[in-house]
Amino acid sequence: MVDHRPSDWRVLDLDKDPTPGDPQRVRTLAKTLHDFADDVSEVLRLVRGTAGEGTHKEWAGKSATVFKEEFSGAYRRT
């Protein structure tokens, strides 16, 4: 998609574009960040799901300890 950007900003008493940039690049970045947020939400749902099942409470060993420490905040719902 090609967006038409004015080149004459005198009507706004400006010498140049006040919002330079590529709108398509902004749209692409917004989609990328939205997709990333969806992925994070899905992972958080899965991590919280383990707490509901009690799985992590039965898990033992060094990896279980580290997991519990690293993800303890994920179990608190905001």
N, C-alpha and C. Protein backbone atom coordinates (compact mmCIF):
# COMPACT_ATOMS: atom_id res chain seq x y z
N MET A 1 0.85 -1.16 0.00
CA MET A 1 0.00 0.00 0.00
C MET A 1 0.90 1.24 0.00
N VAL A 2 0.64 2.14 -0.88
CA VAL A 2 1.39 3.38 -0.96
C VAL A 2 0.51 4.49 -0.41
N ASP A 3 1.00 5.14 0.64
CA ASP A 3 0.26 6.25 1.21
C ASP A 3 0.80 7.56 0.63
N HIS A 4 -0.12 8.43 0.30
CA HIS A 4 0.29 9.73 -0.20
C HIS A 4 0.61 10.63 0.99
N ARG A 5 1.82 11.15 1.00
CA ARG A 5 2.23 12.08 2.04
C ARG A 5 2.43 13.44 1.42
N PRO A 6 1.81 14.47 1.98
CA PRO A 6 2.01 15.81 1.44
C PRO A 6 3.47 16.23 1.57
N SER A 7 3.89 17.09 0.68
CA SER A 7 5.26 17.59 0.75
C SER A 7 5.31 19.06 1.15
N ASP A 8 4.17 19.71 1.12
CA ASP A 8 4.11 21.13 1.46
C ASP A 8 3.37 21.29 2.79
N TRP A 9 4.11 21.66 3.82
CA TRP A 9 3.54 21.78 5.15
C TRP A 9 3.35 23.24 5.58
N ARG A 10 3.44 24.14 4.61
CA ARG A 10 3.31 25.56 4.94
C ARG A 10 1.94 25.90 5.51
N VAL A 11 0.91 25.20 5.10
CA VAL A 11 -0.43 25.46 5.60
C VAL A 11 -0.48 25.30 7.12
N LEU A 12 0.42 24.47 7.66
CA LEU A 12 0.52 24.27 9.10
C LEU A 12 1.65 25.11 9.71
N ASP A 13 2.22 25.98 8.88
CA ASP A 13 3.35 26.81 9.29
C ASP A 13 4.54 25.95 9.71
N LEU A 14 4.79 24.89 8.94
CA LEU A 14 5.92 23.99 9.19
C LEU A 14 6.77 23.90 7.94
N ASP A 15 8.05 23.66 8.14
CA ASP A 15 8.97 23.50 7.02
C ASP A 15 9.04 22.07 6.51
N LYS A 16 8.71 21.12 7.41
CA LYS A 16 8.82 19.71 7.02
C LYS A 16 7.74 18.88 7.67
N ASP A 17 7.64 17.64 7.27
CA ASP A 17 6.65 16.69 7.78
C ASP A 17 6.81 16.55 9.30
N PRO A 18 5.75 16.81 10.07
CA PRO A 18 5.86 16.71 11.53
C PRO A 18 5.85 15.26 12.04
N THR A 19 5.44 14.35 11.18
CA THR A 19 5.41 12.93 11.57
C THR A 19 6.04 12.09 10.47
N PRO A 20 7.35 12.23 10.29
CA PRO A 20 7.98 11.46 9.23
C PRO A 20 7.99 9.97 9.56
N GLY A 21 8.09 9.19 8.55
CA GLY A 21 8.14 7.74 8.76
C GLY A 21 7.35 7.02 7.68
N ASP A 22 7.39 5.73 7.78
CA ASP A 22 6.74 4.87 6.80
C ASP A 22 5.54 4.20 7.47
N PRO A 23 4.32 4.61 7.15
CA PRO A 23 3.14 4.02 7.78
C PRO A 23 3.06 2.49 7.64
N GLN A 24 3.51 1.97 6.53
CA GLN A 24 3.46 0.51 6.35
C GLN A 24 4.41 -0.19 7.32
N ARG A 25 5.56 0.40 7.54
CA ARG A 25 6.50 -0.18 8.52
C ARG A 25 5.90 -0.15 9.92
N VAL A 26 5.19 0.93 10.24
CA VAL A 26 4.54 1.03 11.54
C VAL A 26 3.45 -0.04 11.67
N ARG A 27 2.67 -0.24 10.61
CA ARG A 27 1.64 -1.29 10.63
C ARG A 27 2.26 -2.67 10.82
N THR A 28 3.36 -2.92 10.11
CA THR A 28 4.05 -4.21 10.22
C THR A 28 4.57 -4.43 11.63
N LEU A 29 5.19 -3.39 12.20
CA LEU A 29 5.69 -3.50 13.57
C LEU A 29 4.54 -3.72 14.55
N ALA A 30 3.43 -3.01 14.36
CA ALA A 30 2.28 -3.18 15.24
C ALA A 30 1.76 -4.62 15.18
N LYS A 31 1.70 -5.20 13.99
CA LYS A 31 1.25 -6.59 13.86
C LYS A 31 2.22 -7.55 14.54
N THR A 32 3.52 -7.31 14.36
CA THR A 32 4.53 -8.15 15.00
C THR A 32 4.38 -8.11 16.52
N LEU A 33 4.24 -6.90 17.06
CA LEU A 33 4.09 -6.76 18.52
C LEU A 33 2.79 -7.37 19.00
N HIS A 34 1.73 -7.23 18.24
CA HIS A 34 0.45 -7.83 18.61
C HIS A 34 0.55 -9.35 18.63
N ASP A 35 1.19 -9.92 17.61
CA ASP A 35 1.38 -11.38 17.56
C ASP A 35 2.23 -11.86 18.73
N PHE A 36 3.28 -11.09 19.06
CA PHE A 36 4.14 -11.44 20.20
C PHE A 36 3.32 -11.41 21.49
N ALA A 37 2.50 -10.39 21.67
CA ALA A 37 1.66 -10.30 22.87
C ALA A 37 0.70 -11.49 22.96
N ASP A 38 0.15 -11.90 21.83
CA ASP A 38 -0.72 -13.09 21.81
C ASP A 38 0.05 -14.33 22.25
N ASP A 39 1.29 -14.48 21.77
CA ASP A 39 2.12 -15.62 22.15
C ASP A 39 2.42 -15.60 23.65
N VAL A 40 2.75 -14.43 24.18
CA VAL A 40 3.04 -14.32 25.62
C VAL A 40 1.79 -14.67 26.43
N SER A 41 0.64 -14.21 25.98
CA SER A 41 -0.61 -14.53 26.68
C SER A 41 -0.86 -16.03 26.70
N GLU A 42 -0.59 -16.68 25.59
CA GLU A 42 -0.78 -18.13 25.51
C GLU A 42 0.17 -18.87 26.45
N VAL A 43 1.41 -18.45 26.49
CA VAL A 43 2.38 -19.09 27.38
C VAL A 43 1.98 -18.87 28.84
N LEU A 44 1.57 -17.66 29.17
CA LEU A 44 1.13 -17.37 30.53
C LEU A 44 -0.07 -18.24 30.90
N ARG A 45 -0.98 -18.42 29.97
CA ARG A 45 -2.14 -19.29 30.23
C ARG A 45 -1.69 -20.71 30.53
N LEU A 46 -0.71 -21.20 29.76
CA LEU A 46 -0.21 -22.55 29.96
C LEU A 46 0.52 -22.69 31.29
N VAL A 47 1.33 -21.69 31.64
CA VAL A 47 2.05 -21.74 32.92
C VAL A 47 1.06 -21.72 34.07
N ARG A 48 0.07 -20.84 33.97
CA ARG A 48 -0.94 -20.79 35.03
C ARG A 48 -1.73 -22.09 35.09
N GLY A 49 -1.90 -22.74 33.94
CA GLY A 49 -2.61 -24.01 33.91
C GLY A 49 -1.91 -25.09 34.73
N THR A 50 -0.59 -25.05 34.76
CA THR A 50 0.13 -26.05 35.57
C THR A 50 -0.14 -25.84 37.04
N ALA A 51 -0.34 -24.60 37.47
CA ALA A 51 -0.64 -24.35 38.88
C ALA A 51 -2.01 -24.89 39.23
N GLY A 52 -2.96 -24.76 38.32
CA GLY A 52 -4.30 -25.25 38.57
C GLY A 52 -4.35 -26.76 38.69
N GLU A 53 -3.49 -27.41 37.95
CA GLU A 53 -3.46 -28.88 37.98
C GLU A 53 -2.66 -29.40 39.16
N GLY A 54 -1.92 -28.52 39.85
CA GLY A 54 -1.09 -28.96 40.96
C GLY A 54 0.17 -29.67 40.51
N THR A 55 0.43 -29.65 39.22
CA THR A 55 1.59 -30.35 38.67
C THR A 55 2.89 -29.86 39.27
N HIS A 56 3.06 -28.56 39.35
CA HIS A 56 4.33 -28.02 39.86
C HIS A 56 4.52 -28.32 41.33
N LYS A 57 3.44 -28.59 42.07
CA LYS A 57 3.55 -28.89 43.49
C LYS A 57 4.12 -30.30 43.72
N GLU A 58 3.92 -31.17 42.76
CA GLU A 58 4.42 -32.54 42.87
C GLU A 58 5.81 -32.69 42.26
N TRP A 59 6.24 -31.71 41.53
CA TRP A 59 7.52 -31.74 40.83
C TRP A 59 8.64 -31.51 41.83
N ALA A 60 9.73 -32.26 41.73
CA ALA A 60 10.84 -32.13 42.68
C ALA A 60 12.15 -32.05 41.92
N GLY A 61 13.17 -31.54 42.58
CA GLY A 61 14.49 -31.46 41.98
C GLY A 61 14.90 -30.03 41.71
N LYS A 62 16.14 -29.88 41.22
CA LYS A 62 16.68 -28.55 40.97
C LYS A 62 15.88 -27.79 39.91
N SER A 63 15.49 -28.47 38.85
CA SER A 63 14.74 -27.77 37.79
C SER A 63 13.39 -27.30 38.32
N ALA A 64 12.75 -28.10 39.18
CA ALA A 64 11.47 -27.69 39.75
C ALA A 64 11.64 -26.46 40.63
N THR A 65 12.71 -26.44 41.42
CA THR A 65 12.97 -25.30 42.29
C THR A 65 13.16 -24.03 41.49
N VAL A 66 13.97 -24.11 40.43
CA VAL A 66 14.22 -22.94 39.59
C VAL A 66 12.93 -22.50 38.90
N PHE A 67 12.17 -23.44 38.37
CA PHE A 67 10.91 -23.11 37.70
C PHE A 67 9.98 -22.38 38.66
N LYS A 68 9.84 -22.91 39.86
CA LYS A 68 8.94 -22.30 40.84
C LYS A 68 9.39 -20.89 41.19
N GLU A 69 10.70 -20.70 41.33
CA GLU A 69 11.22 -19.36 41.65
C GLU A 69 10.99 -18.39 40.49
N GLU A 70 11.28 -18.83 39.28
CA GLU A 70 11.19 -17.96 38.11
C GLU A 70 9.75 -17.60 37.75
N PHE A 71 8.82 -18.51 37.96
CA PHE A 71 7.45 -18.31 37.52
C PHE A 71 6.46 -18.08 38.65
N SER A 72 6.95 -17.90 39.87
CA SER A 72 6.03 -17.72 40.99
C SER A 72 5.11 -16.51 40.78
N GLY A 73 5.62 -15.46 40.15
CA GLY A 73 4.82 -14.27 39.90
C GLY A 73 3.73 -14.50 38.86
N ALA A 74 3.92 -15.46 38.00
CA ALA A 74 2.94 -15.74 36.95
C ALA A 74 1.66 -16.34 37.50
N TYR A 75 1.75 -16.92 38.68
CA TYR A 75 0.57 -17.56 39.25
C TYR A 75 -0.36 -16.54 39.89
N ARG A 76 0.18 -15.37 40.22
CA ARG A 76 -0.66 -14.31 40.77
C ARG A 76 -1.40 -13.64 39.61
N ARG A 77 -2.67 -13.63 39.68
CA ARG A 77 -3.47 -13.03 38.61
C ARG A 77 -3.63 -11.55 38.90
N THR A 78 -3.54 -10.76 37.83
CA THR A 78 -3.71 -9.32 38.01
C THR A 78 -5.06 -8.89 37.51
